[in-house]
PDB file of N, CA and C in Angstrom:
ATOM      1  N   UNK A   1      -1.391 -14.264 -63.396  1.00  0.00           N
ATOM      2  CA  UNK A   1      -2.422 -12.790 -63.251  1.00  0.00           C
ATOM      3  C   UNK A   1      -3.040 -12.692 -63.734  1.00  0.00           C
ATOM      4  N   UNK A   2      -3.626 -13.287 -65.267  1.00  0.00           N
ATOM      5  CA  UNK A   2      -4.570 -12.791 -65.771  1.00  0.00           C
ATOM      6  C   UNK A   2      -5.817 -13.738 -65.123  1.00  0.00           C
ATOM      7  N   UNK A   3      -5.432 -14.585 -64.914  1.00  0.00           N
ATOM      8  CA  UNK A   3      -6.772 -15.686 -64.912  1.00  0.00           C
ATOM      9  C   UNK A   3      -7.127 -15.274 -63.411  1.00  0.00           C
ATOM     10  N   UNK A   4      -6.258 -14.845 -62.318  1.00  0.00           N
ATOM     11  CA  UNK A   4      -6.534 -14.371 -60.907  1.00  0.00           C
ATOM     12  C   UNK A   4      -7.707 -13.040 -60.905  1.00  0.00           C
ATOM     13  N   UNK A   5      -7.166 -12.394 -62.144  1.00  0.00           N
ATOM     14  CA  UNK A   5      -7.685 -11.186 -62.165  1.00  0.00           C
ATOM     15  C   UNK A   5      -9.374 -11.193 -62.737  1.00  0.00           C
ATOM     16  N   UNK A   6      -9.537 -12.140 -63.486  1.00  0.00           N
ATOM     17  CA  UNK A   6     -10.989 -12.811 -63.989  1.00  0.00           C
ATOM     18  C   UNK A   6     -11.340 -13.702 -63.180  1.00  0.00           C
ATOM     19  N   UNK A   7     -10.479 -14.702 -62.414  1.00  0.00           N
ATOM     20  CA  UNK A   7     -11.734 -15.609 -61.168  1.00  0.00           C
ATOM     21  C   UNK A   7     -12.086 -14.533 -59.676  1.00  0.00           C
ATOM     22  N   UNK A   8     -11.349 -13.346 -59.597  1.00  0.00           N
ATOM     23  CA  UNK A   8     -11.844 -12.480 -58.932  1.00  0.00           C
ATOM     24  C   UNK A   8     -12.998 -11.450 -59.031  1.00  0.00           C
ATOM     25  N   UNK A   9     -12.966 -11.407 -60.369  1.00  0.00           N
ATOM     26  CA  UNK A   9     -14.343 -10.544 -60.913  1.00  0.00           C
ATOM     27  C   UNK A   9     -13.514  -9.185 -60.738  1.00  0.00           C
ATOM     28  N   UNK A  10     -13.008  -9.082 -60.805  1.00  0.00           N
ATOM     29  CA  UNK A  10     -12.163  -6.970 -60.911  1.00  0.00           C
ATOM     30  C   UNK A  10     -12.073  -6.533 -62.435  1.00  0.00           C
ATOM     31  N   UNK A  11     -12.111  -5.704 -62.471  1.00  0.00           N
ATOM     32  CA  UNK A  11     -12.380  -4.840 -63.957  1.00  0.00           C
ATOM     33  C   UNK A  11     -10.616  -4.946 -64.726  1.00  0.00           C
ATOM     34  N   UNK A  12     -10.329  -5.106 -65.643  1.00  0.00           N
ATOM     35  CA  UNK A  12     -11.740  -4.880 -66.745  1.00  0.00           C
ATOM     36  C   UNK A  12     -12.136  -6.237 -66.876  1.00  0.00           C
ATOM     37  N   UNK A  13     -12.468  -7.337 -66.043  1.00  0.00           N
ATOM     38  CA  UNK A  13     -12.906  -8.716 -66.388  1.00  0.00           C
ATOM     39  C   UNK A  13     -13.979  -8.808 -65.617  1.00  0.00           C
ATOM     40  N   UNK A  14     -14.841  -7.622 -65.068  1.00  0.00           N
ATOM     41  CA  UNK A  14     -15.922  -7.998 -64.144  1.00  0.00           C
ATOM     42  C   UNK A  14     -17.422  -7.955 -64.469  1.00  0.00           C
ATOM     43  N   UNK A  15     -17.503  -9.145 -65.406  1.00  0.00           N
ATOM     44  CA  UNK A  15     -18.895  -9.033 -66.171  1.00  0.00           C
ATOM     45  C   UNK A  15     -19.949  -9.124 -65.409  1.00  0.00           C
ATOM     46  N   UNK A  16     -19.700 -10.096 -64.327  1.00  0.00           N
ATOM     47  CA  UNK A  16     -21.165 -10.339 -63.265  1.00  0.00           C
ATOM     48  C   UNK A  16     -21.462  -8.574 -63.258  1.00  0.00           C
ATOM     49  N   UNK A  17     -20.780  -7.778 -62.646  1.00  0.00           N
ATOM     50  CA  UNK A  17     -21.200  -6.709 -62.024  1.00  0.00           C
ATOM     51  C   UNK A  17     -21.648  -5.795 -63.512  1.00  0.00           C
ATOM     52  N   UNK A  18     -20.985  -5.996 -64.504  1.00  0.00           N
ATOM     53  CA  UNK A  18     -21.546  -5.054 -65.321  1.00  0.00           C
ATOM     54  C   UNK A  18     -22.747  -5.433 -66.151  1.00  0.00           C
ATOM     55  N   UNK A  19     -23.278  -6.582 -66.191  1.00  0.00           N
ATOM     56  CA  UNK A  19     -24.610  -7.192 -66.603  1.00  0.00           C
ATOM     57  C   UNK A  19     -26.082  -6.688 -65.827  1.00  0.00           C
ATOM     58  N   UNK A  20     -25.502  -6.085 -64.481  1.00  0.00           N
ATOM     59  CA  UNK A  20     -26.523  -5.658 -64.071  1.00  0.00           C
ATOM     60  C   UNK A  20     -26.389  -4.303 -63.816  1.00  0.00           C
ATOM     61  N   UNK A  21     -25.921  -3.418 -64.525  1.00  0.00           N
ATOM     62  CA  UNK A  21     -25.123  -2.132 -63.824  1.00  0.00           C
ATOM     63  C   UNK A  21     -26.353  -1.280 -64.116  1.00  0.00           C
ATOM     64  N   UNK A  22     -27.368  -1.687 -65.463  1.00  0.00           N
ATOM     65  CA  UNK A  22     -28.573  -0.809 -65.403  1.00  0.00           C
ATOM     66  C   UNK A  22     -29.198  -0.465 -64.521  1.00  0.00           C
ATOM     67  N   UNK A  23     -29.612  -1.569 -63.158  1.00  0.00           N
ATOM     68  CA  UNK A  23     -30.113  -1.559 -62.036  1.00  0.00           C
ATOM     69  C   UNK A  23     -29.240  -1.160 -60.783  1.00  0.00           C
ATOM     70  N   UNK A  24     -27.954  -0.062 -60.909  1.00  0.00           N
ATOM     71  CA  UNK A  24     -27.272  -0.269 -59.679  1.00  0.00           C
ATOM     72  C   UNK A  24     -26.442  -1.396 -59.215  1.00  0.00           C
ATOM     73  N   UNK A  25     -26.560  -2.357 -60.025  1.00  0.00           N
ATOM     74  CA  UNK A  25     -25.610  -3.648 -59.740  1.00  0.00           C
ATOM     75  C   UNK A  25     -25.725  -4.721 -58.515  1.00  0.00           C
ATOM     76  N   UNK A  26     -25.134  -4.321 -57.578  1.00  0.00           N
ATOM     77  CA  UNK A  26     -25.163  -5.346 -56.904  1.00  0.00           C
ATOM     78  C   UNK A  26     -25.857  -4.752 -55.389  1.00  0.00           C
ATOM     79  N   UNK A  27     -26.003  -3.565 -55.464  1.00  0.00           N
ATOM     80  CA  UNK A  27     -26.612  -2.668 -54.483  1.00  0.00           C
ATOM     81  C   UNK A  27     -28.117  -3.144 -54.570  1.00  0.00           C
ATOM     82  N   UNK A  28     -28.716  -3.487 -55.933  1.00  0.00           N
ATOM     83  CA  UNK A  28     -30.188  -3.876 -55.706  1.00  0.00           C
ATOM     84  C   UNK A  28     -30.669  -5.213 -55.397  1.00  0.00           C
ATOM     85  N   UNK A  29     -29.519  -5.946 -55.658  1.00  0.00           N
ATOM     86  CA  UNK A  29     -29.890  -7.204 -54.910  1.00  0.00           C
ATOM     87  C   UNK A  29     -29.679  -7.811 -53.620  1.00  0.00           C
ATOM     88  N   UNK A  30     -28.615  -7.144 -53.068  1.00  0.00           N
ATOM     89  CA  UNK A  30     -28.366  -6.957 -51.810  1.00  0.00           C
ATOM     90  C   UNK A  30     -28.007  -5.981 -50.876  1.00  0.00           C
ATOM     91  N   UNK A  31     -28.536  -5.719 -49.699  1.00  0.00           N
ATOM     92  CA  UNK A  31     -28.635  -4.615 -48.864  1.00  0.00           C
ATOM     93  C   UNK A  31     -28.222  -5.079 -47.380  1.00  0.00           C
ATOM     94  N   UNK A  32     -27.736  -4.423 -46.477  1.00  0.00           N
ATOM     95  CA  UNK A  32     -27.785  -4.307 -45.034  1.00  0.00           C
ATOM     96  C   UNK A  32     -26.186  -5.728 -44.569  1.00  0.00           C
ATOM     97  N   UNK A  33     -26.585  -6.389 -44.698  1.00  0.00           N
ATOM     98  CA  UNK A  33     -25.603  -7.238 -43.811  1.00  0.00           C
ATOM     99  C   UNK A  33     -25.309  -8.186 -44.893  1.00  0.00           C
ATOM    100  N   UNK A  34     -26.200  -8.237 -46.006  1.00  0.00           N
ATOM    101  CA  UNK A  34     -25.796  -9.455 -46.957  1.00  0.00           C
ATOM    102  C   UNK A  34     -24.932  -8.881 -47.799  1.00  0.00           C
ATOM    103  N   UNK A  35     -24.944  -7.895 -48.093  1.00  0.00           N
ATOM    104  CA  UNK A  35     -24.372  -6.503 -48.915  1.00  0.00           C
ATOM    105  C   UNK A  35     -22.668  -6.737 -48.429  1.00  0.00           C
ATOM    106  N   UNK A  36     -22.967  -6.476 -47.011  1.00  0.00           N
ATOM    107  CA  UNK A  36     -21.596  -6.522 -46.350  1.00  0.00           C
ATOM    108  C   UNK A  36     -20.613  -7.971 -46.412  1.00  0.00           C
ATOM    109  N   UNK A  37     -21.419  -8.761 -46.254  1.00  0.00           N
ATOM    110  CA  UNK A  37     -21.125 -10.337 -46.498  1.00  0.00           C
ATOM    111  C   UNK A  37     -20.334 -10.591 -47.858  1.00  0.00           C
ATOM    112  N   UNK A  38     -21.399  -9.998 -48.663  1.00  0.00           N
ATOM    113  CA  UNK A  38     -20.892 -10.188 -50.397  1.00  0.00           C
ATOM    114  C   UNK A  38     -19.463  -9.465 -50.431  1.00  0.00           C
ATOM    115  N   UNK A  39     -19.592  -8.491 -50.014  1.00  0.00           N
ATOM    116  CA  UNK A  39     -17.733  -7.691 -50.313  1.00  0.00           C
ATOM    117  C   UNK A  39     -16.762  -8.301 -49.635  1.00  0.00           C
ATOM    118  N   UNK A  40     -17.507  -8.775 -48.228  1.00  0.00           N
ATOM    119  CA  UNK A  40     -16.018  -9.305 -47.569  1.00  0.00           C
ATOM    120  C   UNK A  40     -15.550 -10.668 -48.131  1.00  0.00           C
ATOM    121  N   UNK A  41     -16.409 -11.446 -48.798  1.00  0.00           N
ATOM    122  CA  UNK A  41     -16.071 -12.388 -49.781  1.00  0.00           C
ATOM    123  C   UNK A  41     -15.254 -12.167 -50.802  1.00  0.00           C
ATOM    124  N   UNK A  42     -15.583 -11.234 -51.198  1.00  0.00           N
ATOM    125  CA  UNK A  42     -14.965 -10.728 -52.641  1.00  0.00           C
ATOM    126  C   UNK A  42     -13.683 -10.167 -52.040  1.00  0.00           C
ATOM    127  N   UNK A  43     -13.264  -9.197 -51.048  1.00  0.00           N
ATOM    128  CA  UNK A  43     -12.164  -8.909 -50.860  1.00  0.00           C
ATOM    129  C   UNK A  43     -11.463  -9.749 -50.155  1.00  0.00           C
ATOM    130  N   UNK A  44     -12.162 -11.152 -49.714  1.00  0.00           N
ATOM    131  CA  UNK A  44     -11.064 -11.789 -48.541  1.00  0.00           C
ATOM    132  C   UNK A  44     -10.217 -13.313 -49.712  1.00  0.00           C
ATOM    133  N   UNK A  45     -11.372 -13.327 -51.590  1.00  0.00           N
ATOM    134  CA  UNK A  45     -10.938 -14.044 -52.318  1.00  0.00           C
ATOM    135  C   UNK A  45      -9.688 -13.183 -52.728  1.00  0.00           C
ATOM    136  N   UNK A  46      -9.854 -11.675 -53.075  1.00  0.00           N
ATOM    137  CA  UNK A  46      -8.328 -11.181 -53.378  1.00  0.00           C
ATOM    138  C   UNK A  46      -7.348 -11.108 -52.913  1.00  0.00           C
ATOM    139  N   UNK A  47      -7.540 -11.433 -51.513  1.00  0.00           N
ATOM    140  CA  UNK A  47      -6.429 -11.247 -50.141  1.00  0.00           C
ATOM    141  C   UNK A  47      -5.971 -12.898 -50.575  1.00  0.00           C
ATOM    142  N   UNK A  48      -6.745 -13.846 -50.743  1.00  0.00           N
ATOM    143  CA  UNK A  48      -6.329 -15.299 -49.971  1.00  0.00           C
ATOM    144  C   UNK A  48      -5.290 -15.448 -52.065  1.00  0.00           C
ATOM    145  N   UNK A  49      -5.998 -15.183 -53.109  1.00  0.00           N
ATOM    146  CA  UNK A  49      -5.092 -15.388 -54.251  1.00  0.00           C
ATOM    147  C   UNK A  49      -4.199 -14.448 -54.055  1.00  0.00           C
ATOM    148  N   UNK A  50      -3.918 -13.215 -53.821  1.00  0.00           N
ATOM    149  CA  UNK A  50      -2.937 -12.809 -54.077  1.00  0.00           C
ATOM    150  C   UNK A  50      -1.986 -13.517 -52.887  1.00  0.00           C
ATOM    151  N   UNK A  51      -2.403 -13.870 -51.740  1.00  0.00           N
ATOM    152  CA  UNK A  51      -0.990 -14.441 -50.710  1.00  0.00           C
ATOM    153  C   UNK A  51      -0.576 -15.596 -51.361  1.00  0.00           C
ATOM    154  N   UNK A  52      -1.674 -16.624 -52.082  1.00  0.00           N
ATOM    155  CA  UNK A  52      -1.310 -17.760 -52.843  1.00  0.00           C
ATOM    156  C   UNK A  52      -0.467 -17.396 -53.996  1.00  0.00           C
ATOM    157  N   UNK A  53      -0.387 -15.977 -54.355  1.00  0.00           N
ATOM    158  CA  UNK A  53       0.467 -15.919 -55.676  1.00  0.00           C
ATOM    159  C   UNK A  53       1.894 -15.691 -55.036  1.00  0.00           C
ATOM    160  N   UNK A  54       1.839 -14.972 -54.145  1.00  0.00           N
ATOM    161  CA  UNK A  54       3.372 -14.455 -53.480  1.00  0.00           C
ATOM    162  C   UNK A  54       3.870 -15.994 -53.264  1.00  0.00           C
ATOM    163  N   UNK A  55       3.469 -16.682 -52.617  1.00  0.00           N
ATOM    164  CA  UNK A  55       3.689 -18.210 -51.774  1.00  0.00           C
ATOM    165  C   UNK A  55       4.015 -18.839 -52.818  1.00  0.00           C
ATOM    166  N   UNK A  56       3.391 -19.614 -54.154  1.00  0.00           N
ATOM    167  CA  UNK A  56       3.919 -20.097 -55.414  1.00  0.00           C
ATOM    168  C   UNK A  56       4.799 -19.511 -55.962  1.00  0.00           C
ATOM    169  N   UNK A  57       5.034 -18.173 -56.468  1.00  0.00           N
ATOM    170  CA  UNK A  57       5.968 -17.504 -57.349  1.00  0.00           C
ATOM    171  C   UNK A  57       7.201 -16.724 -56.382  1.00  0.00           C
ATOM    172  N   UNK A  58       7.039 -16.383 -55.242  1.00  0.00           N
ATOM    173  CA  UNK A  58       8.362 -15.579 -54.547  1.00  0.00           C
ATOM    174  C   UNK A  58       8.809 -16.224 -53.322  1.00  0.00           C
ATOM    175  N   UNK A  59       7.831 -17.346 -52.831  1.00  0.00           N
ATOM    176  CA  UNK A  59       8.215 -18.265 -51.521  1.00  0.00           C
ATOM    177  C   UNK A  59       8.155 -17.079 -50.006  1.00  0.00           C
ATOM    178  N   UNK A  60       7.335 -16.396 -50.081  1.00  0.00           N
ATOM    179  CA  UNK A  60       6.852 -15.648 -49.249  1.00  0.00           C
ATOM    180  C   UNK A  60       5.433 -15.518 -48.837  1.00  0.00           C
ATOM    181  N   UNK A  61       4.801 -14.894 -48.366  1.00  0.00           N
ATOM    182  CA  UNK A  61       3.374 -14.856 -48.159  1.00  0.00           C
ATOM    183  C   UNK A  61       2.705 -13.153 -48.002  1.00  0.00           C
ATOM    184  N   UNK A  62       3.708 -11.880 -48.123  1.00  0.00           N
ATOM    185  CA  UNK A  62       3.607 -11.064 -47.825  1.00  0.00           C
ATOM    186  C   UNK A  62       3.088 -10.352 -49.191  1.00  0.00           C
ATOM    187  N   UNK A  63       1.173 -10.326 -49.726  1.00  0.00           N
ATOM    188  CA  UNK A  63       0.752  -9.757 -50.321  1.00  0.00           C
ATOM    189  C   UNK A  63       0.631  -8.518 -50.704  1.00  0.00           C
ATOM    190  N   UNK A  64       0.949  -7.692 -49.848  1.00  0.00           N
ATOM    191  CA  UNK A  64       0.312  -6.474 -50.343  1.00  0.00           C
ATOM    192  C   UNK A  64       0.653  -5.701 -51.789  1.00  0.00           C
ATOM    193  N   UNK A  65       1.651  -5.954 -52.346  1.00  0.00           N
ATOM    194  CA  UNK A  65       2.285  -5.634 -53.374  1.00  0.00           C
ATOM    195  C   UNK A  65       1.081  -5.977 -54.656  1.00  0.00           C
ATOM    196  N   UNK A  66       0.955  -7.287 -54.533  1.00  0.00           N
ATOM    197  CA  UNK A  66      -0.384  -7.610 -55.517  1.00  0.00           C
ATOM    198  C   UNK A  66      -1.947  -7.203 -54.902  1.00  0.00           C
ATOM    199  N   UNK A  67      -2.292  -6.949 -54.107  1.00  0.00           N
ATOM    200  CA  UNK A  67      -3.195  -6.337 -53.549  1.00  0.00           C
ATOM    201  C   UNK A  67      -3.361  -5.008 -54.138  1.00  0.00           C
ATOM    202  N   UNK A  68      -2.138  -4.200 -54.244  1.00  0.00           N
ATOM    203  CA  UNK A  68      -2.071  -2.667 -54.695  1.00  0.00           C
ATOM    204  C   UNK A  68      -2.204  -2.855 -56.121  1.00  0.00           C
ATOM    205  N   UNK A  69      -1.603  -3.981 -56.568  1.00  0.00           N
ATOM    206  CA  UNK A  69      -1.773  -3.789 -58.162  1.00  0.00           C
ATOM    207  C   UNK A  69      -3.599  -4.407 -58.741  1.00  0.00           C
ATOM    208  N   UNK A  70      -4.233  -4.933 -57.694  1.00  0.00           N
ATOM    209  CA  UNK A  70      -5.486  -5.028 -58.158  1.00  0.00           C
ATOM    210  C   UNK A  70      -6.140  -3.833 -58.053  1.00  0.00           C
ATOM    211  N   UNK A  71      -5.651  -2.951 -56.997  1.00  0.00           N
ATOM    212  CA  UNK A  71      -6.761  -1.738 -57.038  1.00  0.00           C
ATOM    213  C   UNK A  71      -6.154  -0.818 -57.850  1.00  0.00           C
ATOM    214  N   UNK A  72      -4.671  -1.043 -58.103  1.00  0.00           N
ATOM    215  CA  UNK A  72      -4.476   0.401 -59.120  1.00  0.00           C
ATOM    216  C   UNK A  72      -4.836  -0.357 -60.920  1.00  0.00           C
ATOM    217  N   UNK A  73      -5.133  -1.578 -60.850  1.00  0.00           N
ATOM    218  CA  UNK A  73      -5.667  -2.263 -62.027  1.00  0.00           C
ATOM    219  C   UNK A  73      -7.083  -1.419 -62.318  1.00  0.00           C
ATOM    220  N   UNK A  74      -7.908  -1.423 -61.232  1.00  0.00           N
ATOM    221  CA  UNK A  74      -9.453  -1.301 -61.514  1.00  0.00           C
ATOM    222  C   UNK A  74      -9.387   0.358 -61.880  1.00  0.00           C
ATOM    223  N   UNK A  75      -8.466   1.062 -61.624  1.00  0.00           N
ATOM    224  CA  UNK A  75      -8.465   2.437 -61.036  1.00  0.00           C
ATOM    225  C   UNK A  75      -7.814   3.214 -62.767  1.00  0.00           C
ATOM    226  N   UNK A  76      -6.873   2.130 -63.335  1.00  0.00           N
ATOM    227  CA  UNK A  76      -6.492   2.373 -64.830  1.00  0.00           C
ATOM    228  C   UNK A  76      -6.969   2.097 -65.884  1.00  0.00           C
ATOM    229  N   UNK A  77      -7.462   0.736 -66.001  1.00  0.00           N
ATOM    230  CA  UNK A  77      -8.140   0.362 -67.031  1.00  0.00           C
ATOM    231  C   UNK A  77      -9.028   0.190 -67.230  1.00  0.00           C
ATOM    232  N   UNK A  78      -9.739   0.530 -68.579  1.00  0.00           N
ATOM    233  CA  UNK A  78     -11.063   0.653 -68.592  1.00  0.00           C
ATOM    234  C   UNK A  78     -12.031  -0.948 -69.054  1.00  0.00           C
ATOM    235  N   UNK A  79     -12.955  -0.871 -68.713  1.00  0.00           N
ATOM    236  CA  UNK A  79     -14.044  -2.166 -68.515  1.00  0.00           C
ATOM    237  C   UNK A  79     -14.228  -2.828 -70.159  1.00  0.00           C
ATOM    238  N   UNK A  80     -13.781  -4.308 -70.384  1.00  0.00           N
ATOM    239  CA  UNK A  80     -13.835  -4.945 -71.671  1.00  0.00           C
ATOM    240  C   UNK A  80     -14.704  -5.210 -71.962  1.00  0.00           C
ATOM    241  N   UNK A  81     -15.319  -5.203 -73.004  1.00  0.00           N
ATOM    242  CA  UNK A  81     -16.584  -6.024 -73.560  1.00  0.00           C
ATOM    243  C   UNK A  81     -16.204  -7.265 -73.788  1.00  0.00           C
ATOM    244  N   UNK A  82     -17.395  -7.993 -73.469  1.00  0.00           N
ATOM    245  CA  UNK A  82     -17.412  -9.532 -73.890  1.00  0.00           C
ATOM    246  C   UNK A  82     -16.257  -9.844 -75.398  1.00  0.00           C
ATOM    247  N   UNK A  83     -17.017  -9.248 -76.277  1.00  0.00           N
ATOM    248  CA  UNK A  83     -16.368  -9.787 -77.511  1.00  0.00           C
ATOM    249  C   UNK A  83     -14.913  -9.263 -77.606  1.00  0.00           C
ATOM    250  N   UNK A  84     -14.143  -7.601 -77.145  1.00  0.00           N
ATOM    251  CA  UNK A  84     -12.708  -7.772 -76.660  1.00  0.00           C
ATOM    252  C   UNK A  84     -12.147  -8.600 -75.853  1.00  0.00           C
ATOM    253  N   UNK A  85     -12.882  -9.049 -74.873  1.00  0.00           N
ATOM    254  CA  UNK A  85     -12.260 -10.520 -73.901  1.00  0.00           C
ATOM    255  C   UNK A  85     -12.117 -11.883 -74.848  1.00  0.00           C
ATOM    256  N   UNK A  86     -13.226 -11.941 -75.585  1.00  0.00           N
ATOM    257  CA  UNK A  86     -12.846 -13.533 -76.288  1.00  0.00           C
ATOM    258  C   UNK A  86     -11.721 -13.047 -77.280  1.00  0.00           C
ATOM    259  N   UNK A  87     -11.431 -11.794 -78.201  1.00  0.00           N
ATOM    260  CA  UNK A  87     -10.352 -11.568 -78.852  1.00  0.00           C
ATOM    261  C   UNK A  87      -9.188 -11.877 -77.994  1.00  0.00           C
ATOM    262  N   UNK A  88      -8.957 -11.221 -76.666  1.00  0.00           N
ATOM    263  CA  UNK A  88      -7.711 -11.255 -76.368  1.00  0.00           C
ATOM    264  C   UNK A  88      -7.612 -12.777 -75.949  1.00  0.00           C
ATOM    265  N   UNK A  89      -8.366 -13.398 -75.436  1.00  0.00           N
ATOM    266  CA  UNK A  89      -8.305 -14.665 -75.367  1.00  0.00           C
ATOM    267  C   UNK A  89      -8.146 -15.942 -76.319  1.00  0.00           C
ATOM    268  N   UNK A  90      -8.827 -15.476 -77.399  1.00  0.00           N
ATOM    269  CA  UNK A  90      -8.555 -16.148 -78.623  1.00  0.00           C
ATOM    270  C   UNK A  90      -7.272 -16.205 -79.350  1.00  0.00           C
ATOM    271  N   UNK A  91      -7.127 -14.981 -79.526  1.00  0.00           N
ATOM    272  CA  UNK A  91      -6.043 -14.606 -80.503  1.00  0.00           C
ATOM    273  C   UNK A  91      -4.831 -14.291 -79.847  1.00  0.00           C
ATOM    274  N   UNK A  92      -4.624 -14.028 -78.253  1.00  0.00           N
ATOM    275  CA  UNK A  92      -3.346 -14.004 -77.885  1.00  0.00           C
ATOM    276  C   UNK A  92      -2.983 -14.794 -76.534  1.00  0.00           C
ATOM    277  N   UNK A  93      -3.617 -14.575 -75.890  1.00  0.00           N
ATOM    278  CA  UNK A  93      -3.509 -15.667 -74.735  1.00  0.00           C
ATOM    279  C   UNK A  93      -3.394 -17.123 -74.905  1.00  0.00           C
ATOM    280  N   UNK A  94      -4.345 -17.666 -75.787  1.00  0.00           N
ATOM    281  CA  UNK A  94      -4.327 -19.337 -76.320  1.00  0.00           C
ATOM    282  C   UNK A  94      -3.172 -19.325 -77.164  1.00  0.00           C
ATOM    283  N   UNK A  95      -2.937 -18.382 -78.159  1.00  0.00           N
ATOM    284  CA  UNK A  95      -1.876 -18.921 -78.822  1.00  0.00           C
ATOM    285  C   UNK A  95      -0.298 -19.048 -78.276  1.00  0.00           C
ATOM    286  N   UNK A  96      -0.323 -18.064 -77.404  1.00  0.00           N
ATOM    287  CA  UNK A  96       1.157 -17.950 -75.925  1.00  0.00           C
ATOM    288  C   UNK A  96       1.227 -19.439 -75.268  1.00  0.00           C
ATOM    289  N   UNK A  97      -0.395 -19.832 -74.858  1.00  0.00           N
ATOM    290  CA  UNK A  97      -0.368 -20.593 -73.881  1.00  0.00           C
ATOM    291  C   UNK A  97       0.052 -22.204 -75.057  1.00  0.00           C
ATOM    292  N   UNK A  98      -0.687 -22.522 -76.276  1.00  0.00           N
ATOM    293  CA  UNK A  98       0.177 -23.313 -76.785  1.00  0.00           C
ATOM    294  C   UNK A  98       1.439 -23.551 -77.260  1.00  0.00           C
ATOM    295  N   UNK A  99       2.016 -22.423 -77.319  1.00  0.00           N
ATOM    296  CA  UNK A  99       3.782 -21.859 -78.129  1.00  0.00           C
ATOM    297  C   UNK A  99       4.138 -22.309 -77.057  1.00  0.00           C
ATOM    298  N   UNK A 100       3.701 -22.104 -75.314  1.00  0.00           N
ATOM    299  CA  UNK A 100       4.307 -22.518 -74.108  1.00  0.00           C
ATOM    300  C   UNK A 100       4.579 -23.996 -73.929  1.00  0.00           C
ATOM    301  N   UNK A 101       3.290 -24.584 -74.057  1.00  0.00           N
ATOM    302  CA  UNK A 101       2.975 -25.884 -74.284  1.00  0.00           C
ATOM    303  C   UNK A 101       3.984 -26.599 -74.770  1.00  0.00           C
ATOM    304  N   UNK A 102       4.478 -26.245 -76.111  1.00  0.00           N
ATOM    305  CA  UNK A 102       5.017 -27.083 -77.328  1.00  0.00           C
ATOM    306  C   UNK A 102       6.495 -26.538 -76.575  1.00  0.00           C
ATOM    307  N   UNK A 103       6.961 -25.610 -76.451  1.00  0.00           N
ATOM    308  CA  UNK A 103       8.249 -25.222 -76.141  1.00  0.00           C
ATOM    309  C   UNK A 103       8.747 -25.438 -74.617  1.00  0.00           C
ATOM    310  N   UNK A 104       8.068 -25.751 -73.934  1.00  0.00           N
ATOM    311  CA  UNK A 104       9.007 -26.153 -72.385  1.00  0.00           C
ATOM    312  C   UNK A 104       9.027 -27.475 -72.211  1.00  0.00           C
ATOM    313  N   UNK A 105       8.523 -28.742 -72.961  1.00  0.00           N
ATOM    314  CA  UNK A 105       8.775 -29.728 -72.879  1.00  0.00           C
ATOM    315  C   UNK A 105      10.403 -29.978 -74.082  1.00  0.00           C
ATOM    316  N   UNK A 106      10.214 -29.332 -74.974  1.00  0.00           N
ATOM    317  CA  UNK A 106      11.731 -29.159 -75.981  1.00  0.00           C
ATOM    318  C   UNK A 106      12.452 -28.664 -75.336  1.00  0.00           C
ATOM    319  N   UNK A 107      12.626 -27.728 -74.222  1.00  0.00           N
ATOM    320  CA  UNK A 107      13.858 -26.634 -73.786  1.00  0.00           C
ATOM    321  C   UNK A 107      14.112 -27.864 -72.591  1.00  0.00           C
ATOM    322  N   UNK A 108      13.079 -28.568 -71.858  1.00  0.00           N
ATOM    323  CA  UNK A 108      13.057 -29.757 -70.663  1.00  0.00           C
ATOM    324  C   UNK A 108      14.352 -30.728 -71.036  1.00  0.00           C
ATOM    325  N   UNK A 109      14.128 -31.122 -72.405  1.00  0.00           N
ATOM    326  CA  UNK A 109      14.862 -32.284 -73.030  1.00  0.00           C
ATOM    327  C   UNK A 109      16.213 -31.756 -73.341  1.00  0.00           C
ATOM    328  N   UNK A 110      16.090 -30.635 -73.931  1.00  0.00           N
ATOM    329  CA  UNK A 110      17.498 -30.065 -74.754  1.00  0.00           C
ATOM    330  C   UNK A 110      18.459 -29.983 -73.696  1.00  0.00           C
ATOM    331  N   UNK A 111      18.282 -29.115 -72.364  1.00  0.00           N
ATOM    332  CA  UNK A 111      18.869 -28.625 -71.237  1.00  0.00           C
ATOM    333  C   UNK A 111      18.776 -29.774 -70.349  1.00  0.00           C
ATOM    334  N   UNK A 112      18.441 -30.889 -70.343  1.00  0.00           N
ATOM    335  CA  UNK A 112      18.383 -32.247 -69.629  1.00  0.00           C
ATOM    336  C   UNK A 112      18.202 -31.669 -68.437  1.00  0.00           C
ATOM    337  N   UNK A 113      17.238 -30.868 -67.731  1.00  0.00           N
ATOM    338  CA  UNK A 113      16.835 -30.955 -66.666  1.00  0.00           C
ATOM    339  C   UNK A 113      16.176 -31.513 -66.015  1.00  0.00           C
ATOM    340  N   UNK A 114      15.047 -32.585 -66.285  1.00  0.00           N
ATOM    341  CA  UNK A 114      14.337 -33.353 -65.968  1.00  0.00           C
ATOM    342  C   UNK A 114      15.464 -34.746 -65.203  1.00  0.00           C
ATOM    343  N   UNK A 115      16.162 -34.365 -65.552  1.00  0.00           N
ATOM    344  CA  UNK A 115      17.568 -35.792 -64.807  1.00  0.00           C
ATOM    345  C   UNK A 115      18.199 -35.000 -63.882  1.00  0.00           C
TER     346      UNK A 115
END
């Protein structure tokens, strides 16, 4: 879920928007129909990833709970600075991932799940 939020550039990981906030963000670069297409693409990617998430992990394509999670997350969490995001990735997510990659083969071999 964390990687989906980062891929769709939603808060708290919306660095593309945060870099240009001094001049009103995307409103300065896009106007009219191109602005509408930009946000249509952003929200359609959210719908795509939430549908894909539910198909992979739950087996059906009801994506409204994860879309609600997207909106709720943006409303409740503050935006991370770049150094805070790097700290989160290097000191929390990466050790968890390495531990998971070490533990998973041991778990599969120990409980004889592969055969």
